[in-house]
Every structure is written in C-alpha cells, then in structure tokens.
N, C-alpha and C. Protein backbone atom coordinates (compact mmCIF):
# COMPACT_ATOMS: atom_id res chain seq x y z
N MET A 1 14.27 -17.87 -21.75
CA MET A 1 13.86 -16.70 -21.46
C MET A 1 12.34 -16.01 -21.55
N LYS A 2 11.06 -16.98 -21.93
CA LYS A 2 10.34 -16.11 -21.58
C LYS A 2 10.15 -15.42 -21.40
N ILE A 3 10.42 -14.72 -20.00
CA ILE A 3 10.55 -14.23 -19.03
C ILE A 3 10.80 -12.34 -19.81
N PHE A 4 11.89 -12.24 -20.49
CA PHE A 4 11.72 -11.66 -21.45
C PHE A 4 11.51 -11.24 -21.92
N GLN A 5 11.00 -11.75 -23.26
CA GLN A 5 9.90 -10.99 -24.14
C GLN A 5 8.44 -10.87 -23.51
N GLU A 6 7.71 -11.35 -22.57
CA GLU A 6 6.93 -10.78 -21.69
C GLU A 6 7.39 -9.49 -20.46
N ARG A 7 8.38 -9.20 -20.65
CA ARG A 7 8.15 -7.96 -20.05
C ARG A 7 8.25 -6.62 -20.91
N LEU A 8 8.95 -7.63 -21.80
CA LEU A 8 9.18 -5.95 -23.31
C LEU A 8 8.03 -5.92 -23.48
N LYS A 9 6.47 -6.56 -23.91
CA LYS A 9 5.61 -6.30 -24.35
C LYS A 9 5.34 -5.87 -23.25
N GLU A 10 5.03 -6.03 -21.89
CA GLU A 10 4.35 -5.53 -20.78
C GLU A 10 4.72 -3.85 -20.62
N LEU A 11 6.25 -3.53 -20.68
CA LEU A 11 6.43 -2.40 -20.58
C LEU A 11 6.36 -1.79 -21.81
N ARG A 12 7.17 -2.25 -22.91
CA ARG A 12 6.24 -1.21 -24.09
C ARG A 12 4.99 -0.36 -23.95
N LYS A 13 3.92 -2.01 -23.70
CA LYS A 13 2.51 -0.94 -23.00
C LYS A 13 1.93 -0.72 -22.61
N SER A 14 3.02 -0.71 -20.97
CA SER A 14 2.45 0.63 -20.19
C SER A 14 3.09 2.13 -20.69
N LYS A 15 4.06 2.35 -21.58
CA LYS A 15 4.19 3.73 -22.00
C LYS A 15 3.09 3.69 -23.51
N HIS A 16 2.04 2.87 -23.52
CA HIS A 16 1.02 3.41 -24.43
C HIS A 16 2.43 3.38 -25.98
N ILE A 17 3.29 2.53 -26.36
CA ILE A 17 3.53 3.25 -27.80
C ILE A 17 3.63 1.70 -27.90
N SER A 18 4.10 2.11 -29.34
CA SER A 18 3.59 0.34 -30.35
C SER A 18 4.96 0.29 -30.65
N GLN A 19 5.60 -1.50 -32.03
CA GLN A 19 6.68 -1.72 -31.47
C GLN A 19 7.21 -0.98 -32.99
N LYS A 20 6.62 -0.46 -33.65
CA LYS A 20 7.26 0.78 -34.24
C LYS A 20 7.61 1.71 -33.96
N GLU A 21 7.07 2.11 -32.79
CA GLU A 21 7.29 3.46 -31.82
C GLU A 21 8.61 2.96 -31.24
N LEU A 22 8.93 1.87 -30.89
CA LEU A 22 10.01 1.53 -29.77
C LEU A 22 11.13 1.27 -30.97
N ALA A 23 11.28 0.71 -31.80
CA ALA A 23 11.80 0.38 -33.70
C ALA A 23 12.72 1.43 -33.41
N ASP A 24 11.69 2.64 -33.25
CA ASP A 24 12.46 3.84 -33.71
C ASP A 24 13.39 4.36 -32.71
N ILE A 25 13.14 4.70 -31.17
CA ILE A 25 13.55 4.45 -30.12
C ILE A 25 15.11 3.47 -29.63
N LEU A 26 15.40 2.44 -30.18
CA LEU A 26 16.02 1.30 -30.08
C LEU A 26 16.99 1.51 -31.57
N PHE A 27 16.70 2.82 -32.36
CA PHE A 27 17.57 2.01 -33.83
C PHE A 27 17.07 0.96 -33.82
N THR A 28 15.75 0.26 -34.16
CA THR A 28 15.76 -0.80 -34.84
C THR A 28 15.17 -0.65 -35.66
N SER A 29 14.88 -2.35 -36.29
CA SER A 29 13.32 -2.55 -36.79
C SER A 29 12.40 -2.81 -35.72
N ASN A 30 11.10 -2.81 -37.04
CA ASN A 30 10.09 -3.03 -36.07
C ASN A 30 9.51 -4.68 -35.97
N SER A 31 10.54 -5.46 -37.24
CA SER A 31 10.52 -6.59 -37.30
C SER A 31 11.14 -7.22 -35.94
N CYS A 32 12.55 -6.54 -35.65
CA CYS A 32 13.71 -7.26 -34.59
C CYS A 32 12.53 -6.74 -33.20
N ILE A 33 11.57 -6.09 -32.64
CA ILE A 33 10.41 -5.49 -31.54
C ILE A 33 9.67 -6.97 -31.77
N CYS A 34 9.09 -7.30 -32.66
CA CYS A 34 8.25 -7.90 -32.36
C CYS A 34 8.79 -9.50 -32.81
N ASN A 35 9.90 -9.96 -33.04
CA ASN A 35 10.64 -11.21 -33.43
C ASN A 35 11.28 -11.05 -31.96
N TRP A 36 11.16 -10.00 -31.01
CA TRP A 36 11.85 -9.95 -29.79
C TRP A 36 10.44 -10.78 -28.37
N GLU A 37 9.73 -9.59 -29.03
CA GLU A 37 8.34 -9.79 -27.96
C GLU A 37 8.22 -10.87 -28.14
N CYS A 38 8.19 -12.02 -28.95
CA CYS A 38 7.67 -13.40 -30.08
C CYS A 38 8.82 -14.24 -29.38
N GLY A 39 9.64 -14.13 -29.09
CA GLY A 39 11.03 -14.78 -28.56
C GLY A 39 11.29 -15.99 -29.40
N ARG A 40 11.25 -15.42 -30.82
CA ARG A 40 12.26 -15.97 -32.16
C ARG A 40 13.81 -15.76 -31.30
N HIS A 41 13.85 -14.13 -31.44
CA HIS A 41 15.66 -13.65 -31.48
C HIS A 41 14.84 -13.02 -29.80
N TYR A 42 16.47 -13.09 -29.80
CA TYR A 42 16.73 -12.28 -28.36
C TYR A 42 17.91 -10.78 -29.07
N PRO A 43 17.81 -9.87 -28.01
CA PRO A 43 18.28 -8.34 -28.78
C PRO A 43 19.88 -8.73 -27.43
N ASP A 44 21.04 -8.06 -28.26
CA ASP A 44 22.51 -8.08 -28.14
C ASP A 44 22.22 -7.29 -26.29
N LEU A 45 23.28 -7.50 -26.19
CA LEU A 45 23.50 -7.15 -24.18
C LEU A 45 23.52 -5.52 -24.78
N ASP A 46 23.96 -5.30 -25.18
CA ASP A 46 24.26 -3.62 -25.21
C ASP A 46 22.90 -3.02 -25.71
N THR A 47 21.98 -3.89 -26.65
CA THR A 47 20.10 -3.41 -26.89
C THR A 47 19.62 -4.15 -25.24
N VAL A 48 20.11 -5.17 -24.40
CA VAL A 48 19.00 -5.02 -23.87
C VAL A 48 19.38 -3.84 -22.49
N ALA A 49 20.74 -3.64 -22.26
CA ALA A 49 20.80 -2.30 -21.72
C ALA A 49 19.87 -1.11 -21.47
N ALA A 50 20.07 -1.14 -23.32
CA ALA A 50 19.17 0.82 -24.09
C ALA A 50 18.19 0.75 -23.09
N ILE A 51 16.92 -0.86 -23.51
CA ILE A 51 15.61 -0.93 -23.57
C ILE A 51 15.60 -0.90 -21.90
N ALA A 52 16.95 -1.35 -21.27
CA ALA A 52 16.13 -1.30 -19.34
C ALA A 52 16.44 0.57 -19.45
N SER A 53 17.31 1.43 -19.91
CA SER A 53 17.53 2.13 -19.16
C SER A 53 16.36 3.89 -19.67
N TYR A 54 15.96 2.73 -20.72
CA TYR A 54 14.29 3.61 -21.12
C TYR A 54 13.11 3.62 -20.84
N PHE A 55 13.51 1.99 -20.01
CA PHE A 55 11.87 1.73 -19.30
C PHE A 55 12.36 2.61 -17.44
N ASP A 56 13.61 2.42 -17.38
CA ASP A 56 13.55 2.42 -16.49
C ASP A 56 13.20 1.50 -15.43
N VAL A 57 14.10 0.21 -15.98
CA VAL A 57 14.25 -0.93 -14.69
C VAL A 57 15.79 -1.49 -15.04
N THR A 58 15.64 -1.88 -14.52
CA THR A 58 17.05 -2.96 -14.67
C THR A 58 17.21 -3.80 -15.90
N SER A 59 18.32 -4.19 -15.97
CA SER A 59 18.35 -5.53 -17.30
C SER A 59 18.61 -7.03 -16.43
N ASP A 60 18.59 -7.07 -15.01
CA ASP A 60 17.96 -8.16 -14.29
C ASP A 60 16.53 -8.09 -14.59
N TYR A 61 15.89 -7.37 -14.00
CA TYR A 61 14.15 -7.49 -14.36
C TYR A 61 13.70 -7.78 -15.56
N LEU A 62 14.38 -7.21 -16.52
CA LEU A 62 14.52 -8.07 -17.86
C LEU A 62 14.34 -9.12 -17.79
N LEU A 63 15.59 -9.59 -17.36
CA LEU A 63 15.64 -11.06 -18.15
C LEU A 63 15.63 -12.01 -16.52
N GLY A 64 14.79 -11.58 -16.09
CA GLY A 64 14.09 -12.53 -15.01
C GLY A 64 14.56 -12.79 -14.07
N LEU A 65 15.67 -11.85 -13.46
CA LEU A 65 16.32 -12.47 -12.04
C LEU A 65 16.31 -11.65 -11.51
N GLU A 66 15.57 -10.84 -11.21
CA GLU A 66 14.88 -10.16 -10.43
C GLU A 66 12.84 -9.62 -10.10
N ASP A 67 12.74 -9.16 -9.24
CA ASP A 67 11.24 -9.01 -9.19
C ASP A 67 10.69 -7.37 -9.51
N GLU A 68 10.01 -6.80 -9.84
CA GLU A 68 9.62 -5.95 -10.19
C GLU A 68 9.82 -4.25 -7.93
N THR A 69 10.45 -5.33 -6.89
CA THR A 69 10.68 -4.73 -6.46
C THR A 69 12.40 -4.62 -6.24
N GLY A 70 13.12 -5.46 -6.98
CA GLY A 70 14.18 -5.36 -7.07
C GLY A 70 14.89 -6.76 -6.09
N SER A 71 14.15 -7.43 -5.96
CA SER A 71 14.36 -8.38 -4.91
C SER A 71 15.07 -9.89 -5.95
N LYS A 72 16.05 -10.08 -5.75
CA LYS A 72 16.51 -10.95 -6.77
C LYS A 72 16.17 -12.35 -6.52
N ILE A 73 15.66 -13.07 -7.81
CA ILE A 73 14.68 -14.15 -7.64
C ILE A 73 15.60 -15.65 -8.05
N LYS A 74 15.85 -16.41 -7.10
CA LYS A 74 16.92 -17.15 -7.13
C LYS A 74 15.88 -18.95 -7.37
N TYR A 75 16.27 -19.00 -8.66
CA TYR A 75 16.31 -20.57 -8.74
C TYR A 75 16.92 -21.55 -9.33
N ILE A 76 16.64 -22.49 -8.32
CA ILE A 76 17.79 -23.33 -8.13
C ILE A 76 17.50 -24.77 -9.34
N ILE A 77 18.79 -24.82 -9.76
CA ILE A 77 18.91 -25.33 -10.80
C ILE A 77 19.61 -27.35 -10.77
C-alpha cells in the first residue's frame, strides 16, 4: 500500500499542515501520522474515511483504487 503513504503525505503537504497538525485534526498522535506516511502502520477504516473527508477525496483515491480524476484503476491479479 505504498500509494496510501505517498498520497497522504502529498495531501498533507498540499494543505501546508504539519504531521502534528494533522494528528490533532484526526485525534491521534504525531507518531501515528509519521508511521502511516512511512508505511510502518496503516490507519483503520474509520480513520481512512476521516482522512478522505478532511482532504475531500475518496477513500478509493487514498487506497490507490482511483486516480485523481475519480477513474477506477484496474489491477491485473
């Protein structure tokens, strides 16, 4: 899920907020945000929904299932 960590960091930087500020918004710790952006841990589904809502994107976009236009990305398994 490297896409999630990259998109989270990109979205956070686009709003010009620090990891600490995002942590406060999401009622979590700065270390959680750092771990998510580094790919060491991932948020639960409720938190993914909260992140998507805050950044006004879909959870599918955060998870790499959609591109920035909202088009579904098809993966060959």
